[in-house]
């Protein structure tokens, strides 16, 4: 049986009043933590360094794809699951076999124009997109055609070659140039996350 090809890219949902594309831009890179859905967690565990991800603002009006990130560290245990003081604490997660994972992502670009969910639903080429069929899933696979369509709708430009479908090739980080970097139409509130003197605080609000 032929092996199923790897997803071309991903879509990551986040609440902008907690951690937005602007916050990722300021930090440069950040952990994508707080995922507490098994299907979403499994997608995180599939990610490979160098793969692209569309950043999607949820729990706001309008919800929309607002920018592009790149995976810069593959899945590792989310420490918040073992912290009783964290809102993401999971008492059933065994430290020897953690339930929950996270990845690190780095900022690539804002889309010059946010692409709303309502717009996406009107495009025939995107009718099979996971975002349309399972809109509540916080981490989703994206095909090459979907990635190209969405970035074009937002006024961005993808590089000539996207991410590789093989893990070995994908580890060589592809460069990405997106034209017209600008603020998105979706406004975000200032992040409430406190700064850490040890290392950048894990981004909250991703589930």
N, C-alpha and C. Protein backbone atom coordinates (compact mmCIF):
# COMPACT_ATOMS: atom_id res chain seq x y z
N UNK A 1 0.85 -1.20 0.00
CA UNK A 1 0.00 0.00 0.00
C UNK A 1 0.88 1.25 0.00
N UNK A 2 0.57 2.17 -0.88
CA UNK A 2 1.36 3.40 -0.99
C UNK A 2 1.22 4.25 0.27
N UNK A 3 2.33 4.80 0.71
CA UNK A 3 2.31 5.64 1.90
C UNK A 3 1.64 6.97 1.59
N UNK A 4 0.78 7.40 2.51
CA UNK A 4 0.08 8.68 2.32
C UNK A 4 1.08 9.82 2.35
N UNK A 5 1.01 10.74 1.36
CA UNK A 5 1.98 11.85 1.34
C UNK A 5 1.82 12.75 2.54
N UNK A 6 2.92 13.36 2.95
CA UNK A 6 2.86 14.29 4.08
C UNK A 6 2.05 15.52 3.72
N UNK A 7 1.40 16.13 4.72
CA UNK A 7 0.74 17.41 4.46
C UNK A 7 1.76 18.43 3.95
N UNK A 8 1.32 19.31 3.07
CA UNK A 8 2.22 20.33 2.54
C UNK A 8 2.52 21.39 3.58
N UNK A 9 1.51 21.71 4.41
CA UNK A 9 1.67 22.73 5.43
C UNK A 9 0.63 22.49 6.52
N UNK A 10 0.48 23.47 7.41
CA UNK A 10 -0.41 23.32 8.56
C UNK A 10 -1.20 24.61 8.79
N UNK A 11 -2.21 24.52 9.62
CA UNK A 11 -2.94 25.70 10.08
C UNK A 11 -3.01 25.62 11.60
N UNK A 12 -2.60 26.70 12.26
CA UNK A 12 -2.58 26.78 13.71
C UNK A 12 -3.53 27.87 14.18
N UNK A 13 -4.47 27.50 15.04
CA UNK A 13 -5.45 28.47 15.54
C UNK A 13 -5.00 29.02 16.89
N UNK A 14 -5.18 30.31 17.08
CA UNK A 14 -4.84 30.95 18.33
C UNK A 14 -5.80 32.09 18.62
N UNK A 15 -6.01 32.37 19.90
CA UNK A 15 -6.87 33.48 20.30
C UNK A 15 -6.02 34.75 20.36
N UNK A 16 -6.30 35.73 19.53
CA UNK A 16 -5.42 36.90 19.42
C UNK A 16 -5.35 37.76 20.67
N UNK A 17 -6.35 37.69 21.56
CA UNK A 17 -6.27 38.50 22.78
C UNK A 17 -5.30 37.88 23.79
N UNK A 18 -4.85 36.66 23.51
CA UNK A 18 -3.88 36.00 24.38
C UNK A 18 -2.52 35.87 23.70
N UNK A 19 -2.52 35.42 22.43
CA UNK A 19 -1.27 35.33 21.66
C UNK A 19 -1.61 35.47 20.20
N UNK A 20 -1.17 36.56 19.60
CA UNK A 20 -1.53 36.89 18.22
C UNK A 20 -0.33 36.79 17.28
N UNK A 21 -0.59 36.97 16.00
CA UNK A 21 0.50 37.01 15.02
C UNK A 21 1.45 38.18 15.33
N UNK A 22 0.91 39.26 15.87
CA UNK A 22 1.76 40.39 16.28
C UNK A 22 2.71 39.98 17.41
N UNK A 23 2.19 39.19 18.36
CA UNK A 23 3.04 38.71 19.46
C UNK A 23 4.14 37.81 18.95
N UNK A 24 3.81 36.92 18.00
CA UNK A 24 4.82 36.04 17.42
C UNK A 24 5.86 36.86 16.67
N UNK A 25 5.41 37.91 15.99
CA UNK A 25 6.34 38.80 15.28
C UNK A 25 7.33 39.43 16.25
N UNK A 26 6.84 39.89 17.39
CA UNK A 26 7.72 40.54 18.38
C UNK A 26 8.72 39.57 18.98
N UNK A 27 8.25 38.33 19.25
CA UNK A 27 9.12 37.33 19.88
C UNK A 27 10.10 36.71 18.89
N UNK A 28 9.68 36.63 17.62
CA UNK A 28 10.52 35.97 16.64
C UNK A 28 10.20 34.49 16.54
N UNK A 29 10.21 33.80 17.69
CA UNK A 29 9.78 32.41 17.75
C UNK A 29 9.20 32.14 19.13
N UNK A 30 8.36 31.12 19.22
CA UNK A 30 7.69 30.82 20.49
C UNK A 30 7.17 29.39 20.49
N UNK A 31 7.00 28.81 21.68
CA UNK A 31 6.38 27.49 21.77
C UNK A 31 4.90 27.58 21.43
N UNK A 32 4.39 26.59 20.74
CA UNK A 32 2.95 26.52 20.45
C UNK A 32 2.36 25.52 21.44
N UNK A 33 1.99 26.02 22.62
CA UNK A 33 1.60 25.16 23.73
C UNK A 33 0.10 25.19 23.97
N UNK A 34 -0.35 24.47 25.00
CA UNK A 34 -1.74 24.52 25.42
C UNK A 34 -2.70 23.69 24.60
N UNK A 35 -2.22 22.88 23.66
CA UNK A 35 -3.11 22.05 22.85
C UNK A 35 -3.60 20.88 23.71
N UNK A 36 -4.91 20.75 23.84
CA UNK A 36 -5.49 19.71 24.68
C UNK A 36 -6.59 18.95 23.93
N UNK A 37 -6.34 18.68 22.70
CA UNK A 37 -7.22 17.86 21.86
C UNK A 37 -6.34 16.81 21.21
N UNK A 38 -6.74 15.54 21.27
CA UNK A 38 -5.86 14.48 20.80
C UNK A 38 -5.61 14.54 19.29
N UNK A 39 -6.63 14.88 18.50
CA UNK A 39 -6.43 14.99 17.06
C UNK A 39 -5.44 16.11 16.74
N UNK A 40 -5.60 17.26 17.41
CA UNK A 40 -4.68 18.38 17.20
C UNK A 40 -3.27 18.01 17.67
N UNK A 41 -3.19 17.33 18.81
CA UNK A 41 -1.87 16.91 19.31
C UNK A 41 -1.16 15.99 18.32
N UNK A 42 -1.92 15.07 17.73
CA UNK A 42 -1.32 14.15 16.76
C UNK A 42 -0.77 14.89 15.55
N UNK A 43 -1.45 15.97 15.13
CA UNK A 43 -0.94 16.77 14.02
C UNK A 43 0.38 17.45 14.41
N UNK A 44 0.45 17.94 15.66
CA UNK A 44 1.69 18.56 16.13
C UNK A 44 2.85 17.57 16.05
N UNK A 45 2.57 16.32 16.39
CA UNK A 45 3.62 15.30 16.41
C UNK A 45 4.08 14.90 15.01
N UNK A 46 3.31 15.26 14.01
CA UNK A 46 3.69 14.97 12.62
C UNK A 46 4.57 16.05 12.02
N UNK A 47 4.62 17.20 12.65
CA UNK A 47 5.31 18.35 12.05
C UNK A 47 6.81 18.15 11.96
N UNK A 48 7.39 18.72 10.92
CA UNK A 48 8.82 18.62 10.64
C UNK A 48 9.41 20.03 10.55
N UNK A 49 10.60 20.19 11.06
CA UNK A 49 11.29 21.49 10.99
C UNK A 49 11.33 21.97 9.53
N UNK A 50 10.97 23.22 9.35
CA UNK A 50 10.98 23.82 8.02
C UNK A 50 9.61 23.90 7.38
N UNK A 51 8.64 23.14 7.90
CA UNK A 51 7.30 23.19 7.31
C UNK A 51 6.59 24.48 7.69
N UNK A 52 5.76 24.96 6.79
CA UNK A 52 5.04 26.22 6.98
C UNK A 52 3.71 25.99 7.69
N UNK A 53 3.24 27.02 8.36
CA UNK A 53 1.95 26.97 9.04
C UNK A 53 1.23 28.30 8.87
N UNK A 54 -0.03 28.24 8.50
CA UNK A 54 -0.87 29.43 8.46
C UNK A 54 -1.33 29.73 9.88
N UNK A 55 -1.22 30.97 10.31
CA UNK A 55 -1.67 31.37 11.64
C UNK A 55 -3.10 31.91 11.50
N UNK A 56 -4.00 31.35 12.30
CA UNK A 56 -5.42 31.67 12.20
C UNK A 56 -5.91 32.26 13.52
N UNK A 57 -6.48 33.45 13.48
CA UNK A 57 -7.05 34.07 14.67
C UNK A 57 -8.46 33.56 14.89
N UNK A 58 -8.68 32.91 16.05
CA UNK A 58 -9.99 32.38 16.40
C UNK A 58 -10.57 33.19 17.56
N UNK A 59 -11.82 32.90 17.91
CA UNK A 59 -12.49 33.58 19.03
C UNK A 59 -12.41 35.10 18.91
N UNK A 60 -12.58 35.59 17.72
CA UNK A 60 -12.59 37.02 17.46
C UNK A 60 -13.50 37.27 16.26
N UNK A 61 -13.78 38.52 15.94
CA UNK A 61 -14.61 38.83 14.78
C UNK A 61 -13.86 39.80 13.88
N UNK A 62 -13.62 39.40 12.61
CA UNK A 62 -13.90 38.07 12.07
C UNK A 62 -12.75 37.11 12.35
N UNK A 63 -13.05 35.82 12.38
CA UNK A 63 -11.99 34.83 12.45
C UNK A 63 -11.32 34.78 11.08
N UNK A 64 -9.99 34.61 11.06
CA UNK A 64 -9.31 34.75 9.77
C UNK A 64 -7.89 34.18 9.80
N UNK A 65 -7.40 33.82 8.62
CA UNK A 65 -5.98 33.51 8.43
C UNK A 65 -5.26 34.85 8.33
N UNK A 66 -4.26 35.05 9.18
CA UNK A 66 -3.63 36.37 9.26
C UNK A 66 -2.14 36.39 8.96
N UNK A 67 -1.51 35.24 8.92
CA UNK A 67 -0.07 35.24 8.68
C UNK A 67 0.51 33.86 8.49
N UNK A 68 1.84 33.82 8.42
CA UNK A 68 2.56 32.58 8.14
C UNK A 68 3.68 32.41 9.16
N UNK A 69 3.80 31.17 9.65
CA UNK A 69 4.89 30.80 10.56
C UNK A 69 5.61 29.60 9.97
N UNK A 70 6.72 29.22 10.60
CA UNK A 70 7.48 28.04 10.17
C UNK A 70 7.85 27.21 11.39
N UNK A 71 7.73 25.91 11.30
CA UNK A 71 8.11 25.03 12.39
C UNK A 71 9.63 25.08 12.55
N UNK A 72 10.11 25.38 13.77
CA UNK A 72 11.56 25.46 13.99
C UNK A 72 12.03 24.47 15.05
N UNK A 73 11.11 23.78 15.70
CA UNK A 73 11.46 22.68 16.60
C UNK A 73 10.32 21.67 16.58
N UNK A 74 10.66 20.41 16.43
CA UNK A 74 9.63 19.38 16.35
C UNK A 74 9.07 19.04 17.72
N UNK A 75 8.01 18.26 17.75
CA UNK A 75 7.21 18.02 18.96
C UNK A 75 8.05 17.53 20.14
N UNK A 76 7.75 18.11 21.30
CA UNK A 76 8.36 17.71 22.56
C UNK A 76 7.33 17.94 23.66
N UNK A 77 7.49 17.34 24.85
CA UNK A 77 6.46 17.44 25.89
C UNK A 77 6.16 18.87 26.29
N UNK A 78 4.87 19.17 26.43
CA UNK A 78 4.41 20.47 26.89
C UNK A 78 4.52 20.49 28.41
N UNK A 79 5.43 21.28 28.99
CA UNK A 79 5.63 21.25 30.44
C UNK A 79 4.44 21.72 31.25
N UNK A 80 3.54 22.50 30.65
CA UNK A 80 2.39 23.00 31.40
C UNK A 80 1.46 21.89 31.87
N UNK A 81 1.52 20.72 31.22
CA UNK A 81 0.64 19.62 31.62
C UNK A 81 0.99 19.07 33.00
N UNK A 82 2.21 19.32 33.45
CA UNK A 82 2.66 18.81 34.76
C UNK A 82 2.73 19.91 35.82
N UNK A 83 2.29 21.10 35.48
CA UNK A 83 2.36 22.24 36.40
C UNK A 83 0.99 22.50 37.02
N UNK A 84 0.80 22.17 38.30
CA UNK A 84 -0.52 22.35 38.94
C UNK A 84 -1.02 23.79 38.91
N UNK A 85 -0.12 24.75 38.74
CA UNK A 85 -0.53 26.15 38.72
C UNK A 85 -0.97 26.60 37.33
N UNK A 86 -0.73 25.77 36.32
CA UNK A 86 -1.07 26.13 34.95
C UNK A 86 -2.53 25.82 34.64
N UNK A 87 -3.14 26.66 33.82
CA UNK A 87 -4.50 26.39 33.37
C UNK A 87 -4.56 25.17 32.46
N UNK A 88 -3.40 24.72 31.98
CA UNK A 88 -3.35 23.56 31.10
C UNK A 88 -2.88 22.30 31.83
N UNK A 89 -2.88 22.33 33.15
CA UNK A 89 -2.46 21.18 33.96
C UNK A 89 -3.36 19.98 33.70
N UNK A 90 -2.73 18.81 33.58
CA UNK A 90 -3.47 17.56 33.38
C UNK A 90 -2.94 16.54 34.38
N UNK A 91 -3.72 16.31 35.43
CA UNK A 91 -3.30 15.40 36.50
C UNK A 91 -3.14 13.96 36.01
N UNK A 92 -3.77 13.62 34.90
CA UNK A 92 -3.72 12.26 34.39
C UNK A 92 -2.53 12.01 33.47
N UNK A 93 -1.79 13.05 33.18
CA UNK A 93 -0.63 12.91 32.29
C UNK A 93 0.57 12.40 33.08
N UNK A 94 1.07 11.23 32.71
CA UNK A 94 2.21 10.61 33.37
C UNK A 94 3.51 11.27 32.89
N UNK A 95 4.31 11.83 33.79
CA UNK A 95 5.58 12.45 33.38
C UNK A 95 6.48 11.51 32.59
N UNK A 96 6.36 10.20 32.84
CA UNK A 96 7.18 9.23 32.11
C UNK A 96 6.66 9.01 30.69
N UNK A 97 5.39 9.34 30.48
CA UNK A 97 4.78 9.20 29.17
C UNK A 97 3.78 10.34 28.97
N UNK A 98 4.27 11.54 28.73
CA UNK A 98 3.40 12.72 28.66
C UNK A 98 2.33 12.60 27.58
N UNK A 99 1.14 13.09 27.91
CA UNK A 99 0.02 13.07 26.97
C UNK A 99 0.14 14.13 25.89
N UNK A 100 0.66 15.29 26.28
CA UNK A 100 0.55 16.47 25.42
C UNK A 100 1.90 16.95 24.92
N UNK A 101 1.90 17.39 23.68
CA UNK A 101 3.12 17.87 23.03
C UNK A 101 2.95 19.30 22.53
N UNK A 102 4.07 19.92 22.21
CA UNK A 102 4.04 21.23 21.57
C UNK A 102 5.22 21.30 20.61
N UNK A 103 5.18 22.26 19.72
CA UNK A 103 6.30 22.54 18.82
C UNK A 103 6.69 23.99 19.00
N UNK A 104 7.83 24.37 18.47
CA UNK A 104 8.22 25.78 18.42
C UNK A 104 8.03 26.26 16.99
N UNK A 105 7.53 27.47 16.85
CA UNK A 105 7.37 28.06 15.53
C UNK A 105 8.05 29.41 15.49
N UNK A 106 8.45 29.82 14.29
CA UNK A 106 9.07 31.13 14.11
C UNK A 106 8.23 31.96 13.14
N UNK A 107 8.27 33.24 13.36
CA UNK A 107 7.52 34.17 12.51
C UNK A 107 8.10 34.21 11.09
N UNK A 108 7.21 34.20 10.10
CA UNK A 108 7.61 34.40 8.71
C UNK A 108 7.07 35.72 8.20
N UNK A 109 5.74 35.92 8.26
CA UNK A 109 5.15 37.15 7.74
C UNK A 109 3.69 37.29 8.13
N UNK A 110 3.23 38.53 8.21
CA UNK A 110 1.79 38.81 8.19
C UNK A 110 1.33 38.66 6.74
N UNK A 111 0.11 38.28 6.54
CA UNK A 111 -0.49 38.44 5.22
C UNK A 111 -0.89 39.91 5.09
N UNK A 112 -0.70 40.52 3.93
CA UNK A 112 -1.09 41.91 3.76
C UNK A 112 -2.57 42.14 4.06
N UNK A 113 -3.38 41.10 3.83
CA UNK A 113 -4.82 41.21 4.11
C UNK A 113 -5.29 39.92 4.76
N UNK A 114 -6.01 40.03 5.88
CA UNK A 114 -6.55 38.85 6.55
C UNK A 114 -7.60 38.18 5.67
N UNK A 115 -7.61 36.84 5.66
CA UNK A 115 -8.57 36.08 4.87
C UNK A 115 -9.56 35.44 5.83
N UNK A 116 -10.80 35.90 5.81
CA UNK A 116 -11.79 35.46 6.79
C UNK A 116 -12.36 34.09 6.46
N UNK A 117 -12.91 33.45 7.47
CA UNK A 117 -13.54 32.14 7.29
C UNK A 117 -14.71 32.24 6.31
N UNK A 118 -15.46 33.31 6.38
CA UNK A 118 -16.60 33.46 5.46
C UNK A 118 -16.12 33.53 4.02
N UNK A 119 -15.01 34.20 3.76
CA UNK A 119 -14.45 34.24 2.41
C UNK A 119 -14.00 32.85 1.97
N UNK A 120 -13.35 32.15 2.88
CA UNK A 120 -12.84 30.81 2.58
C UNK A 120 -13.97 29.88 2.17
N UNK A 121 -15.09 29.98 2.85
CA UNK A 121 -16.23 29.10 2.57
C UNK A 121 -16.83 29.35 1.19
N UNK A 122 -16.56 30.50 0.60
CA UNK A 122 -17.13 30.84 -0.71
C UNK A 122 -16.25 30.39 -1.87
N UNK A 123 -15.06 29.83 -1.58
CA UNK A 123 -14.12 29.46 -2.63
C UNK A 123 -14.23 27.96 -2.91
N UNK A 124 -14.67 27.56 -4.11
CA UNK A 124 -14.81 26.13 -4.44
C UNK A 124 -13.54 25.32 -4.21
N UNK A 125 -12.39 25.90 -4.50
CA UNK A 125 -11.12 25.18 -4.35
C UNK A 125 -10.80 24.85 -2.89
N UNK A 126 -11.50 25.48 -1.96
CA UNK A 126 -11.24 25.27 -0.53
C UNK A 126 -12.37 24.52 0.17
N UNK A 127 -13.32 23.98 -0.59
CA UNK A 127 -14.48 23.33 0.02
C UNK A 127 -14.14 22.07 0.80
N UNK A 128 -12.99 21.41 0.46
CA UNK A 128 -12.58 20.21 1.17
C UNK A 128 -11.60 20.50 2.30
N UNK A 129 -11.30 21.77 2.53
CA UNK A 129 -10.35 22.13 3.56
C UNK A 129 -10.86 21.72 4.94
N UNK A 130 -9.94 21.24 5.79
CA UNK A 130 -10.31 20.83 7.15
C UNK A 130 -10.98 21.99 7.88
N UNK A 131 -10.52 23.21 7.66
CA UNK A 131 -11.09 24.38 8.32
C UNK A 131 -12.56 24.54 8.01
N UNK A 132 -12.99 24.14 6.83
CA UNK A 132 -14.39 24.24 6.43
C UNK A 132 -15.20 23.08 7.00
N UNK A 133 -14.62 21.89 7.01
CA UNK A 133 -15.34 20.71 7.46
C UNK A 133 -15.29 20.49 8.97
N UNK A 134 -14.15 20.86 9.60
CA UNK A 134 -13.99 20.70 11.04
C UNK A 134 -13.41 21.99 11.62
N UNK A 135 -14.20 23.06 11.62
CA UNK A 135 -13.69 24.39 11.98
C UNK A 135 -13.18 24.52 13.41
N UNK A 136 -13.58 23.63 14.30
CA UNK A 136 -13.16 23.76 15.70
C UNK A 136 -11.78 23.14 15.98
N UNK A 137 -11.28 22.32 15.08
CA UNK A 137 -9.98 21.68 15.29
C UNK A 137 -8.87 22.72 15.25
N UNK A 138 -8.02 22.74 16.28
CA UNK A 138 -7.07 23.84 16.43
C UNK A 138 -5.76 23.67 15.67
N UNK A 139 -5.45 22.44 15.25
CA UNK A 139 -4.25 22.19 14.45
C UNK A 139 -4.68 21.33 13.27
N UNK A 140 -4.44 21.81 12.07
CA UNK A 140 -4.97 21.15 10.88
C UNK A 140 -3.91 21.01 9.79
N UNK A 141 -4.06 19.96 8.99
CA UNK A 141 -3.21 19.79 7.82
C UNK A 141 -3.75 20.65 6.68
N UNK A 142 -2.85 21.15 5.85
CA UNK A 142 -3.20 22.00 4.71
C UNK A 142 -2.51 21.46 3.47
N UNK A 143 -3.23 21.33 2.37
CA UNK A 143 -2.63 20.85 1.13
C UNK A 143 -1.87 21.99 0.44
N UNK A 144 -1.08 21.62 -0.56
CA UNK A 144 -0.33 22.63 -1.31
C UNK A 144 -1.28 23.60 -2.00
N UNK A 145 -2.33 23.06 -2.62
CA UNK A 145 -3.29 23.93 -3.31
C UNK A 145 -3.98 24.89 -2.37
N UNK A 146 -4.35 24.40 -1.17
CA UNK A 146 -5.00 25.25 -0.18
C UNK A 146 -4.06 26.34 0.30
N UNK A 147 -2.81 25.98 0.55
CA UNK A 147 -1.82 26.96 0.99
C UNK A 147 -1.64 28.05 -0.06
N UNK A 148 -1.44 27.65 -1.30
CA UNK A 148 -1.23 28.62 -2.38
C UNK A 148 -2.44 29.54 -2.55
N UNK A 149 -3.65 28.95 -2.48
CA UNK A 149 -4.88 29.74 -2.66
C UNK A 149 -5.04 30.76 -1.55
N UNK A 150 -4.85 30.33 -0.32
CA UNK A 150 -5.05 31.22 0.83
C UNK A 150 -4.02 32.35 0.86
N UNK A 151 -2.77 32.03 0.59
CA UNK A 151 -1.74 33.07 0.60
C UNK A 151 -2.00 34.08 -0.52
N UNK A 152 -2.43 33.59 -1.68
CA UNK A 152 -2.76 34.50 -2.79
C UNK A 152 -3.95 35.38 -2.42
N UNK A 153 -4.97 34.82 -1.77
CA UNK A 153 -6.13 35.60 -1.35
C UNK A 153 -5.73 36.70 -0.38
N UNK A 154 -4.70 36.42 0.44
CA UNK A 154 -4.24 37.41 1.41
C UNK A 154 -3.21 38.37 0.86
N UNK A 155 -2.90 38.26 -0.44
CA UNK A 155 -1.94 39.18 -1.04
C UNK A 155 -0.49 38.80 -0.83
N UNK A 156 -0.22 37.59 -0.34
CA UNK A 156 1.14 37.16 -0.11
C UNK A 156 1.71 36.40 -1.30
N UNK A 157 2.99 36.08 -1.23
CA UNK A 157 3.67 35.35 -2.29
C UNK A 157 4.46 34.20 -1.68
N UNK A 158 4.21 32.98 -2.16
CA UNK A 158 4.96 31.82 -1.70
C UNK A 158 6.25 31.68 -2.51
N UNK A 159 7.27 31.02 -1.95
CA UNK A 159 8.50 30.79 -2.71
C UNK A 159 8.23 29.79 -3.82
N UNK A 160 9.15 29.68 -4.77
CA UNK A 160 8.99 28.78 -5.91
C UNK A 160 8.85 27.34 -5.45
N UNK A 161 9.58 26.95 -4.40
CA UNK A 161 9.50 25.59 -3.88
C UNK A 161 9.00 25.63 -2.45
N UNK A 162 7.97 24.82 -2.17
CA UNK A 162 7.43 24.76 -0.82
C UNK A 162 8.17 23.74 0.01
N UNK A 163 7.54 23.26 1.08
CA UNK A 163 8.17 22.27 1.93
C UNK A 163 8.22 20.92 1.22
N UNK A 164 9.20 20.14 1.58
CA UNK A 164 9.37 18.83 0.96
C UNK A 164 8.40 17.82 1.56
N UNK A 165 8.05 16.79 0.82
CA UNK A 165 7.19 15.74 1.35
C UNK A 165 8.01 14.65 2.03
N UNK A 166 9.33 14.81 2.07
CA UNK A 166 10.17 13.84 2.77
C UNK A 166 10.82 14.52 3.95
N UNK A 167 10.94 13.79 5.04
CA UNK A 167 11.47 14.38 6.26
C UNK A 167 12.90 14.87 6.10
N UNK A 168 13.72 14.13 5.39
CA UNK A 168 15.12 14.52 5.23
C UNK A 168 15.24 15.85 4.52
N UNK A 169 14.50 16.04 3.46
CA UNK A 169 14.57 17.29 2.71
C UNK A 169 13.95 18.43 3.49
N UNK A 170 12.91 18.12 4.26
CA UNK A 170 12.21 19.18 4.98
C UNK A 170 13.07 19.79 6.08
N UNK A 171 14.06 19.05 6.57
CA UNK A 171 14.89 19.57 7.65
C UNK A 171 15.78 20.72 7.19
N UNK A 172 16.01 20.86 5.90
CA UNK A 172 16.73 22.02 5.37
C UNK A 172 15.72 23.14 5.25
N UNK A 173 15.78 24.12 6.14
CA UNK A 173 14.76 25.15 6.22
C UNK A 173 14.60 25.89 4.90
N UNK A 174 13.40 25.90 4.32
CA UNK A 174 13.18 26.67 3.11
C UNK A 174 13.06 28.15 3.45
N UNK A 175 13.49 29.01 2.55
CA UNK A 175 13.30 30.44 2.76
C UNK A 175 11.93 30.83 2.25
N UNK A 176 11.37 31.87 2.83
CA UNK A 176 10.04 32.31 2.45
C UNK A 176 10.05 33.82 2.32
N UNK A 177 9.58 34.32 1.21
CA UNK A 177 9.43 35.75 1.01
C UNK A 177 7.96 36.03 0.75
N UNK A 178 7.39 36.93 1.52
CA UNK A 178 6.01 37.32 1.32
C UNK A 178 5.96 38.81 1.07
N UNK A 179 5.35 39.18 -0.02
CA UNK A 179 5.33 40.59 -0.42
C UNK A 179 4.39 41.39 0.45
N UNK A 180 4.72 42.65 0.65
CA UNK A 180 3.81 43.59 1.30
C UNK A 180 3.54 43.30 2.75
N UNK A 181 4.55 42.98 3.55
CA UNK A 181 4.32 42.69 4.95
C UNK A 181 3.66 43.90 5.60
N UNK A 182 2.56 43.66 6.29
CA UNK A 182 1.81 44.76 6.90
C UNK A 182 0.98 44.23 8.05
N UNK A 183 0.37 45.12 8.82
CA UNK A 183 -0.54 44.72 9.88
C UNK A 183 -1.77 44.08 9.26
N UNK A 184 -2.35 43.13 9.99
CA UNK A 184 -3.55 42.47 9.49
C UNK A 184 -4.78 43.30 9.80
N UNK A 185 -5.86 42.94 9.13
CA UNK A 185 -7.13 43.62 9.39
C UNK A 185 -7.71 43.21 10.73
N UNK A 186 -7.27 42.05 11.25
CA UNK A 186 -7.75 41.58 12.54
C UNK A 186 -6.91 42.19 13.63
N UNK A 187 -7.50 43.01 14.46
CA UNK A 187 -6.77 43.67 15.53
C UNK A 187 -6.65 42.73 16.72
N UNK A 188 -5.53 42.80 17.43
CA UNK A 188 -5.34 41.97 18.60
C UNK A 188 -5.13 42.84 19.83
N UNK A 189 -5.58 42.34 20.97
CA UNK A 189 -5.38 43.05 22.22
C UNK A 189 -3.99 42.74 22.73
N UNK A 190 -3.42 43.59 23.58
CA UNK A 190 -2.07 43.33 24.11
C UNK A 190 -2.03 42.01 24.84
N UNK A 191 -0.96 41.26 24.68
CA UNK A 191 -0.85 39.98 25.36
C UNK A 191 -0.75 40.18 26.86
N UNK A 192 -1.38 39.26 27.62
CA UNK A 192 -1.37 39.35 29.07
C UNK A 192 -0.28 38.46 29.67
N UNK A 193 0.45 37.75 28.84
CA UNK A 193 1.47 36.83 29.32
C UNK A 193 2.60 37.59 30.01
N UNK A 194 3.07 37.08 31.15
CA UNK A 194 4.17 37.71 31.87
C UNK A 194 5.50 37.28 31.27
N UNK A 195 6.47 38.16 31.36
CA UNK A 195 7.78 37.85 30.81
C UNK A 195 8.55 36.95 31.76
N UNK A 196 9.36 36.07 31.20
CA UNK A 196 10.20 35.18 31.99
C UNK A 196 11.66 35.58 31.81
N UNK A 197 12.42 35.57 32.90
CA UNK A 197 13.84 35.91 32.79
C UNK A 197 14.66 34.71 32.35
N UNK A 198 14.10 33.51 32.45
CA UNK A 198 14.83 32.31 32.08
C UNK A 198 14.75 32.03 30.59
N UNK A 199 13.56 32.07 30.07
CA UNK A 199 13.35 31.81 28.64
C UNK A 199 12.00 32.39 28.24
N UNK A 200 11.73 32.58 26.95
CA UNK A 200 10.44 33.14 26.52
C UNK A 200 9.30 32.30 27.06
N UNK A 201 8.30 32.96 27.59
CA UNK A 201 7.14 32.25 28.14
C UNK A 201 6.37 31.56 27.04
N UNK A 202 5.91 30.35 27.32
CA UNK A 202 5.13 29.60 26.33
C UNK A 202 3.86 30.36 26.01
N UNK A 203 3.53 30.45 24.73
CA UNK A 203 2.37 31.18 24.29
C UNK A 203 1.10 30.50 24.72
N UNK A 204 0.19 31.23 25.35
CA UNK A 204 -1.06 30.66 25.83
C UNK A 204 -2.18 30.86 24.82
N UNK A 205 -3.29 30.20 25.11
CA UNK A 205 -4.50 30.42 24.34
C UNK A 205 -4.61 29.59 23.08
N UNK A 206 -3.77 28.55 22.92
CA UNK A 206 -3.85 27.70 21.73
C UNK A 206 -4.44 26.38 22.17
N UNK A 207 -5.55 25.99 21.60
CA UNK A 207 -6.20 24.77 22.05
C UNK A 207 -6.88 24.05 20.90
